[in-house]
C-alpha atoms as a PDB file:
ATOM      1  CA  MET A   1      74.178  67.472  34.594  1.00  0.00           C
ATOM      2  CA  SER A   2      76.734  66.969  31.846  1.00  0.00           C
ATOM      3  CA  LEU A   3      80.255  66.003  32.882  1.00  0.00           C
ATOM      4  CA  ASN A   4      81.490  67.947  29.861  1.00  0.00           C
ATOM      5  CA  SER A   5      81.185  71.199  31.799  1.00  0.00           C
ATOM      6  CA  THR A   6      83.306  69.900  34.695  1.00  0.00           C
ATOM      7  CA  ASP A   7      86.692  68.260  35.124  1.00  0.00           C
ATOM      8  CA  LYS A   8      85.403  64.682  35.139  1.00  0.00           C
ATOM      9  CA  GLY A   9      82.787  65.680  37.684  1.00  0.00           C
ATOM     10  CA  LEU A  10      84.910  68.111  39.683  1.00  0.00           C
ATOM     11  CA  LEU A  11      84.749  71.872  39.857  1.00  0.00           C
ATOM     12  CA  THR A  12      87.803  73.973  39.050  1.00  0.00           C
ATOM     13  CA  PRO A  13      88.411  77.721  39.327  1.00  0.00           C
ATOM     14  CA  GLY A  14      88.105  77.871  35.551  1.00  0.00           C
ATOM     15  CA  ASN A  15      84.747  76.142  35.119  1.00  0.00           C
ATOM     16  CA  CYS A  16      82.479  77.777  37.696  1.00  0.00           C
ATOM     17  CA  ALA A  17      81.363  81.028  39.309  1.00  0.00           C
ATOM     18  CA  VAL A  18      79.858  81.910  42.686  1.00  0.00           C
ATOM     19  CA  LEU A  19      76.548  83.603  43.389  1.00  0.00           C
ATOM     20  CA  PHE A  20      75.956  85.084  46.852  1.00  0.00           C
ATOM     21  CA  ILE A  21      72.279  85.894  47.381  1.00  0.00           C
ATOM     22  CA  ASP A  22      70.875  88.023  50.213  1.00  0.00           C
ATOM     23  CA  HIS A  23      73.497  87.674  52.951  1.00  0.00           C
ATOM     24  CA  GLN A  24      71.967  90.630  54.788  1.00  0.00           C
ATOM     25  CA  PRO A  25      71.206  91.307  58.474  1.00  0.00           C
ATOM     26  CA  GLN A  26      67.456  90.789  58.354  1.00  0.00           C
ATOM     27  CA  MET A  27      67.946  87.541  56.470  1.00  0.00           C
ATOM     28  CA  PHE A  28      70.548  86.325  58.972  1.00  0.00           C
ATOM     29  CA  PHE A  29      68.110  87.122  61.798  1.00  0.00           C
ATOM     30  CA  GLY A  30      65.573  84.706  60.330  1.00  0.00           C
ATOM     31  CA  VAL A  31      67.925  81.742  59.968  1.00  0.00           C
ATOM     32  CA  ALA A  32      67.160  78.933  62.416  1.00  0.00           C
ATOM     33  CA  ASN A  33      68.700  75.745  60.987  1.00  0.00           C
ATOM     34  CA  ILE A  34      72.342  76.640  61.702  1.00  0.00           C
ATOM     35  CA  ASP A  35      74.175  78.795  64.225  1.00  0.00           C
ATOM     36  CA  ARG A  36      74.400  82.227  62.614  1.00  0.00           C
ATOM     37  CA  GLN A  37      78.073  82.710  63.473  1.00  0.00           C
ATOM     38  CA  ASP A  38      78.881  79.341  61.917  1.00  0.00           C
ATOM     39  CA  LEU A  39      76.865  80.387  58.875  1.00  0.00           C
ATOM     40  CA  LEU A  40      78.850  83.615  58.503  1.00  0.00           C
ATOM     41  CA  ASN A  41      82.092  81.717  58.946  1.00  0.00           C
ATOM     42  CA  ASN A  42      81.117  79.345  56.125  1.00  0.00           C
ATOM     43  CA  VAL A  43      80.126  82.244  53.883  1.00  0.00           C
ATOM     44  CA  LEU A  44      83.592  83.731  54.389  1.00  0.00           C
ATOM     45  CA  VAL A  45      85.298  80.406  53.611  1.00  0.00           C
ATOM     46  CA  LEU A  46      83.410  80.278  50.313  1.00  0.00           C
ATOM     47  CA  ALA A  47      84.100  83.932  49.548  1.00  0.00           C
ATOM     48  CA  LYS A  48      87.810  83.633  50.312  1.00  0.00           C
ATOM     49  CA  ALA A  49      88.061  80.477  48.212  1.00  0.00           C
ATOM     50  CA  ALA A  50      86.577  82.380  45.278  1.00  0.00           C
ATOM     51  CA  LYS A  51      88.884  85.335  45.819  1.00  0.00           C
ATOM     52  CA  ILE A  52      92.056  83.268  46.220  1.00  0.00           C
ATOM     53  CA  PHE A  53      91.414  81.286  43.048  1.00  0.00           C
ATOM     54  CA  ARG A  54      90.029  84.267  41.085  1.00  0.00           C
ATOM     55  CA  VAL A  55      86.621  82.712  40.504  1.00  0.00           C
ATOM     56  CA  PRO A  56      83.965  85.145  39.233  1.00  0.00           C
ATOM     57  CA  VAL A  57      81.637  86.322  41.999  1.00  0.00           C
ATOM     58  CA  ILE A  58      78.208  87.935  41.817  1.00  0.00           C
ATOM     59  CA  LEU A  59      76.664  89.631  44.846  1.00  0.00           C
ATOM     60  CA  THR A  60      72.975  90.426  45.038  1.00  0.00           C
ATOM     61  CA  ALA A  61      70.703  91.818  47.745  1.00  0.00           C
ATOM     62  CA  VAL A  62      66.959  92.142  48.218  1.00  0.00           C
ATOM     63  CA  GLU A  63      65.318  95.358  49.447  1.00  0.00           C
ATOM     64  CA  SER A  64      68.460  96.664  51.161  1.00  0.00           C
ATOM     65  CA  GLU A  65      67.021 100.024  52.158  1.00  0.00           C
ATOM     66  CA  ALA A  66      63.425  99.029  52.765  1.00  0.00           C
ATOM     67  CA  PHE A  67      63.825  95.857  54.811  1.00  0.00           C
ATOM     68  CA  SER A  68      66.907  93.644  54.733  1.00  0.00           C
ATOM     69  CA  GLY A  69      69.859  95.982  55.268  1.00  0.00           C
ATOM     70  CA  ASN A  70      73.186  95.975  53.448  1.00  0.00           C
ATOM     71  CA  ILE A  71      75.121  92.819  52.658  1.00  0.00           C
ATOM     72  CA  THR A  72      77.260  91.806  55.618  1.00  0.00           C
ATOM     73  CA  PRO A  73      80.402  93.985  55.622  1.00  0.00           C
ATOM     74  CA  GLN A  74      82.799  91.041  55.966  1.00  0.00           C
ATOM     75  CA  LEU A  75      81.605  89.804  52.573  1.00  0.00           C
ATOM     76  CA  LEU A  76      81.626  93.230  50.956  1.00  0.00           C
ATOM     77  CA  ASP A  77      85.158  93.894  52.210  1.00  0.00           C
ATOM     78  CA  LEU A  78      86.454  90.904  50.282  1.00  0.00           C
ATOM     79  CA  PHE A  79      85.122  92.324  47.024  1.00  0.00           C
ATOM     80  CA  PRO A  80      85.482  96.105  47.384  1.00  0.00           C
ATOM     81  CA  ASN A  81      85.079  96.726  43.657  1.00  0.00           C
ATOM     82  CA  GLN A  82      81.822  94.786  43.433  1.00  0.00           C
ATOM     83  CA  THR A  83      78.495  96.619  43.358  1.00  0.00           C
ATOM     84  CA  PRO A  84      75.754  94.275  44.603  1.00  0.00           C
ATOM     85  CA  ILE A  85      72.788  93.866  42.294  1.00  0.00           C
ATOM     86  CA  GLU A  86      69.777  95.325  44.081  1.00  0.00           C
ATOM     87  CA  ARG A  87      66.433  93.531  43.712  1.00  0.00           C
ATOM     88  CA  SER A  88      62.859  93.616  44.881  1.00  0.00           C
ATOM     89  CA  ASN A  89      61.962  90.100  43.721  1.00  0.00           C
ATOM     90  CA  LEU A  90      62.448  87.000  45.866  1.00  0.00           C
ATOM     91  CA  ASN A  91      63.516  85.042  42.794  1.00  0.00           C
ATOM     92  CA  SER A  92      66.801  86.571  41.657  1.00  0.00           C
ATOM     93  CA  TRP A  93      66.536  84.767  38.323  1.00  0.00           C
ATOM     94  CA  GLU A  94      63.672  87.100  37.454  1.00  0.00           C
ATOM     95  CA  ASN A  95      66.059  90.050  37.703  1.00  0.00           C
ATOM     96  CA  LYS A  96      67.396  90.935  34.242  1.00  0.00           C
ATOM     97  CA  GLU A  97      70.569  92.515  35.585  1.00  0.00           C
ATOM     98  CA  LEU A  98      71.476  89.380  37.518  1.00  0.00           C
ATOM     99  CA  VAL A  99      70.737  87.100  34.566  1.00  0.00           C
ATOM    100  CA  ALA A 100      72.979  89.288  32.415  1.00  0.00           C
ATOM    101  CA  ALA A 101      75.735  89.135  35.038  1.00  0.00           C
ATOM    102  CA  VAL A 102      75.508  85.334  35.132  1.00  0.00           C
ATOM    103  CA  LYS A 103      75.713  85.093  31.353  1.00  0.00           C
ATOM    104  CA  SER A 104      78.625  87.535  31.213  1.00  0.00           C
ATOM    105  CA  THR A 105      80.802  85.115  33.218  1.00  0.00           C
ATOM    106  CA  ALA A 106      80.602  82.563  30.392  1.00  0.00           C
ATOM    107  CA  ARG A 107      80.561  79.841  33.063  1.00  0.00           C
ATOM    108  CA  ASN A 108      78.205  76.874  33.003  1.00  0.00           C
ATOM    109  CA  ASN A 109      78.451  75.900  36.674  1.00  0.00           C
ATOM    110  CA  PHE A 110      77.310  78.056  39.557  1.00  0.00           C
ATOM    111  CA  LEU A 111      77.943  77.668  43.237  1.00  0.00           C
ATOM    112  CA  ILE A 112      75.017  79.293  45.019  1.00  0.00           C
ATOM    113  CA  ALA A 113      74.838  80.387  48.647  1.00  0.00           C
ATOM    114  CA  ALA A 114      71.653  82.119  49.721  1.00  0.00           C
ATOM    115  CA  LEU A 115      69.410  83.299  52.539  1.00  0.00           C
ATOM    116  CA  TRP A 116      66.834  81.938  52.799  1.00  0.00           C
ATOM    117  CA  SER A 117      67.134  78.431  51.413  1.00  0.00           C
ATOM    118  CA  GLU A 118      63.410  78.017  50.843  1.00  0.00           C
ATOM    119  CA  THR A 119      63.172  81.078  48.604  1.00  0.00           C
ATOM    120  CA  SER A 120      66.411  82.764  47.547  1.00  0.00           C
ATOM    121  CA  LEU A 121      68.168  79.455  46.966  1.00  0.00           C
ATOM    122  CA  VAL A 122      65.375  77.282  45.601  1.00  0.00           C
ATOM    123  CA  PHE A 123      63.808  79.694  43.120  1.00  0.00           C
ATOM    124  CA  PRO A 124      66.872  80.642  41.045  1.00  0.00           C
ATOM    125  CA  ALA A 125      68.399  77.169  41.388  1.00  0.00           C
ATOM    126  CA  LEU A 126      65.372  75.472  39.844  1.00  0.00           C
ATOM    127  CA  GLN A 127      65.124  77.922  36.968  1.00  0.00           C
ATOM    128  CA  MET A 128      68.864  77.886  36.264  1.00  0.00           C
ATOM    129  CA  LEU A 129      68.708  74.101  36.093  1.00  0.00           C
ATOM    130  CA  GLU A 130      65.893  74.393  33.569  1.00  0.00           C
ATOM    131  CA  GLU A 131      68.169  76.565  31.427  1.00  0.00           C
ATOM    132  CA  GLY A 132      70.977  74.035  31.496  1.00  0.00           C
ATOM    133  CA  TYR A 133      73.286  75.420  34.172  1.00  0.00           C
ATOM    134  CA  GLY A 134      75.053  73.179  36.618  1.00  0.00           C
ATOM    135  CA  VAL A 135      73.875  74.246  40.071  1.00  0.00           C
ATOM    136  CA  TYR A 136      75.883  73.554  43.221  1.00  0.00           C
ATOM    137  CA  ALA A 137      74.187  74.609  46.442  1.00  0.00           C
ATOM    138  CA  VAL A 138      76.676  75.488  49.169  1.00  0.00           C
ATOM    139  CA  GLU A 139      74.554  74.064  51.926  1.00  0.00           C
ATOM    140  CA  ASP A 140      76.366  75.388  54.982  1.00  0.00           C
ATOM    141  CA  ALA A 141      76.686  78.900  53.523  1.00  0.00           C
ATOM    142  CA  SER A 142      72.906  78.968  53.067  1.00  0.00           C
ATOM    143  CA  GLY A 143      70.223  78.967  55.718  1.00  0.00           C
ATOM    144  CA  GLY A 144      66.494  78.588  56.171  1.00  0.00           C
ATOM    145  CA  THR A 145      63.925  79.798  58.673  1.00  0.00           C
ATOM    146  CA  SER A 146      63.766  76.293  60.159  1.00  0.00           C
ATOM    147  CA  LYS A 147      65.602  73.007  59.783  1.00  0.00           C
ATOM    148  CA  ALA A 148      62.572  71.580  57.989  1.00  0.00           C
ATOM    149  CA  ALA A 149      62.501  74.502  55.552  1.00  0.00           C
ATOM    150  CA  HIS A 150      66.220  74.250  54.782  1.00  0.00           C
ATOM    151  CA  ASP A 151      66.193  70.468  54.422  1.00  0.00           C
ATOM    152  CA  ALA A 152      63.135  70.544  52.182  1.00  0.00           C
ATOM    153  CA  ALA A 153      64.786  73.179  50.003  1.00  0.00           C
ATOM    154  CA  ILE A 154      67.928  71.091  49.579  1.00  0.00           C
ATOM    155  CA  ARG A 155      65.896  67.963  48.795  1.00  0.00           C
ATOM    156  CA  ARG A 156      63.830  69.812  46.227  1.00  0.00           C
ATOM    157  CA  ILE A 157      66.763  71.157  44.243  1.00  0.00           C
ATOM    158  CA  GLU A 158      68.694  67.890  44.494  1.00  0.00           C
ATOM    159  CA  GLN A 159      65.685  66.056  43.082  1.00  0.00           C
ATOM    160  CA  ALA A 160      65.731  68.535  40.203  1.00  0.00           C
ATOM    161  CA  GLY A 161      69.418  67.875  39.507  1.00  0.00           C
ATOM    162  CA  ALA A 162      71.392  70.239  41.730  1.00  0.00           C
ATOM    163  CA  VAL A 163      74.359  69.121  43.826  1.00  0.00           C
ATOM    164  CA  SER A 164      74.880  70.112  47.445  1.00  0.00           C
ATOM    165  CA  LEU A 165      78.295  70.611  49.008  1.00  0.00           C
ATOM    166  CA  THR A 166      80.023  72.619  51.739  1.00  0.00           C
ATOM    167  CA  ALA A 167      82.169  75.742  51.680  1.00  0.00           C
ATOM    168  CA  PHE A 168      85.235  73.896  52.945  1.00  0.00           C
ATOM    169  CA  GLN A 169      84.725  71.262  50.266  1.00  0.00           C
ATOM    170  CA  VAL A 170      84.805  74.024  47.648  1.00  0.00           C
ATOM    171  CA  LEU A 171      88.095  75.373  49.014  1.00  0.00           C
ATOM    172  CA  LEU A 172      89.710  71.931  48.908  1.00  0.00           C
ATOM    173  CA  GLU A 173      88.268  71.122  45.489  1.00  0.00           C
ATOM    174  CA  PHE A 174      89.852  74.263  44.066  1.00  0.00           C
ATOM    175  CA  GLN A 175      93.221  73.374  45.640  1.00  0.00           C
ATOM    176  CA  ARG A 176      92.997  69.589  44.953  1.00  0.00           C
ATOM    177  CA  ASP A 177      96.723  68.904  45.123  1.00  0.00           C
ATOM    178  CA  TRP A 178      98.968  70.083  47.983  1.00  0.00           C
ATOM    179  CA  SER A 179     101.925  70.126  45.582  1.00  0.00           C
ATOM    180  CA  ARG A 180     100.313  73.102  43.880  1.00  0.00           C
ATOM    181  CA  LYS A 181     102.057  75.944  45.686  1.00  0.00           C
ATOM    182  CA  GLU A 182     100.638  79.015  43.909  1.00  0.00           C
ATOM    183  CA  HIS A 183      97.839  79.500  46.471  1.00  0.00           C
ATOM    184  CA  TYR A 184      98.995  77.096  49.164  1.00  0.00           C
ATOM    185  CA  GLU A 185      99.777  79.707  51.820  1.00  0.00           C
ATOM    186  CA  GLU A 186      96.512  81.559  51.213  1.00  0.00           C
ATOM    187  CA  VAL A 187      94.512  78.354  51.487  1.00  0.00           C
ATOM    188  CA  MET A 188      96.301  77.419  54.703  1.00  0.00           C
ATOM    189  CA  ALA A 189      95.537  80.867  56.123  1.00  0.00           C
ATOM    190  CA  VAL A 190      91.818  80.330  55.488  1.00  0.00           C
ATOM    191  CA  VAL A 191      91.943  76.864  57.032  1.00  0.00           C
ATOM    192  CA  LYS A 192      93.681  78.158  60.172  1.00  0.00           C
ATOM    193  CA  GLU A 193      91.281  81.078  60.571  1.00  0.00           C
ATOM    194  CA  HIS A 194      87.983  79.427  59.768  1.00  0.00           C
ATOM    195  CA  CYS A 195      88.226  75.636  59.876  1.00  0.00           C
ATOM    196  CA  GLY A 196      88.138  74.829  63.559  1.00  0.00           C
ATOM    197  CA  ALA A 197      90.056  71.855  64.924  1.00  0.00           C
ATOM    198  CA  TYR A 198      91.603  71.052  61.540  1.00  0.00           C
ATOM    199  CA  GLY A 199      93.023  74.558  61.316  1.00  0.00           C
ATOM    200  CA  GLN A 200      94.271  74.404  64.891  1.00  0.00           C
ATOM    201  CA  GLY A 201      95.920  71.072  64.145  1.00  0.00           C
ATOM    202  CA  ILE A 202      97.771  72.520  61.170  1.00  0.00           C
ATOM    203  CA  GLU A 203      98.965  75.445  63.277  1.00  0.00           C
ATOM    204  CA  TYR A 204     100.126  73.046  65.996  1.00  0.00           C
ATOM    205  CA  VAL A 205     102.153  70.913  63.586  1.00  0.00           C
ATOM    206  CA  ALA A 206     103.697  73.990  61.972  1.00  0.00           C
ATOM    207  CA  THR A 207     104.769  75.626  65.226  1.00  0.00           C
ATOM    208  CA  MET A 208     105.500  72.662  67.515  1.00  0.00           C
ATOM    209  CA  VAL A 209     106.808  70.047  65.084  1.00  0.00           C
ATOM    210  CA  GLN A 210     108.208  72.069  62.201  1.00  0.00           C
ATOM    211  CA  LYS A 211     109.244  74.940  64.524  1.00  0.00           C
ATOM    212  CA  ALA A 212     107.794  77.589  62.222  1.00  0.00           C
ATOM    213  CA  PRO A 213     106.774  80.994  63.654  1.00  0.00           C
ATOM    214  CA  ALA A 214     103.152  81.294  64.716  1.00  0.00           C
ATOM    215  CA  SER A 215     100.821  82.475  61.965  1.00  0.00           C
ATOM    216  CA  ARG A 216     100.094  85.690  63.824  1.00  0.00           C
ATOM    217  CA  ASN A 217     103.810  86.421  64.177  1.00  0.00           C
ATOM    218  CA  ARG A 218     104.377  85.792  60.491  1.00  0.00           C
ATOM    219  CA  GLN A 219     101.531  88.108  59.573  1.00  0.00           C
ATOM    220  CA  THR A 220     102.827  90.833  61.904  1.00  0.00           C
ATOM    221  CA  THR A 221     106.315  90.532  60.412  1.00  0.00           C
ATOM    222  CA  ARG A 222     104.907  90.664  56.892  1.00  0.00           C
ATOM    223  CA  ASN A 223     102.865  93.767  57.699  1.00  0.00           C
ATOM    224  CA  LYS A 224     105.895  95.525  59.218  1.00  0.00           C
ATOM    225  CA  LYS A 225     107.984  94.680  56.168  1.00  0.00           C
ATOM    226  CA  GLN A 226     105.319  96.023  53.828  1.00  0.00           C
ATOM    227  CA  LYS A 227     105.027  99.224  55.860  1.00  0.00           C
ATOM    228  CA  LYS A 228     108.801  99.702  55.844  1.00  0.00           C
ATOM    229  CA  GLU A 229     108.879  99.259  52.062  1.00  0.00           C
ATOM    230  CA  GLN A 230     106.093 101.814  51.672  1.00  0.00           C
ATOM    231  CA  ASP A 231     107.875 104.311  53.921  1.00  0.00           C
ATOM    232  CA  THR A 232     111.056 104.024  51.900  1.00  0.00           C
END
């Protein structure tokens, strides 16, 4: 993978895009290598990172009406103007509409999260690598039908040149410097909501040490202010 397409090896909001593949009920049901609620949580961390930093996102689904169901609503709600690309093929890279969507982003690096790892992640990842794309598999926002299947999938694409990382890592890599304040509050909101003990620790320091209002109180106050402005 050429470092020329990255910032000295790092991803930035301006040099990558995100591809969410088959995050649908029937696909979630089959995941066995990770707790499904944890998986959904990680998917939302990745999705919110992309939305906060305005990274291009592509959504695609396989056999929504015939078998797999619609993409999980929490993901769709984050991108209300996105129409998922519907497919019948397991390998999304064989879908002309998806390939066109990827090319239209003009990005060389793609973060991919997919269900299942052994098919919907591996197949497009390998073929995108062959075409010169940088492929970054978001391991904890993907899932396989067994731990062995998921692990084998990750090994296979890493051996072909892909890089594996986590959703939280993506969020922090986009932020990179806490002195950058443009998206600081949004990033902190994601951390507090989705990032377990670390998020709880940040909330504790803010409220108990810095004596700031609780996040929920701040959000309630903000919502009331927005409503008042709309009413007037």
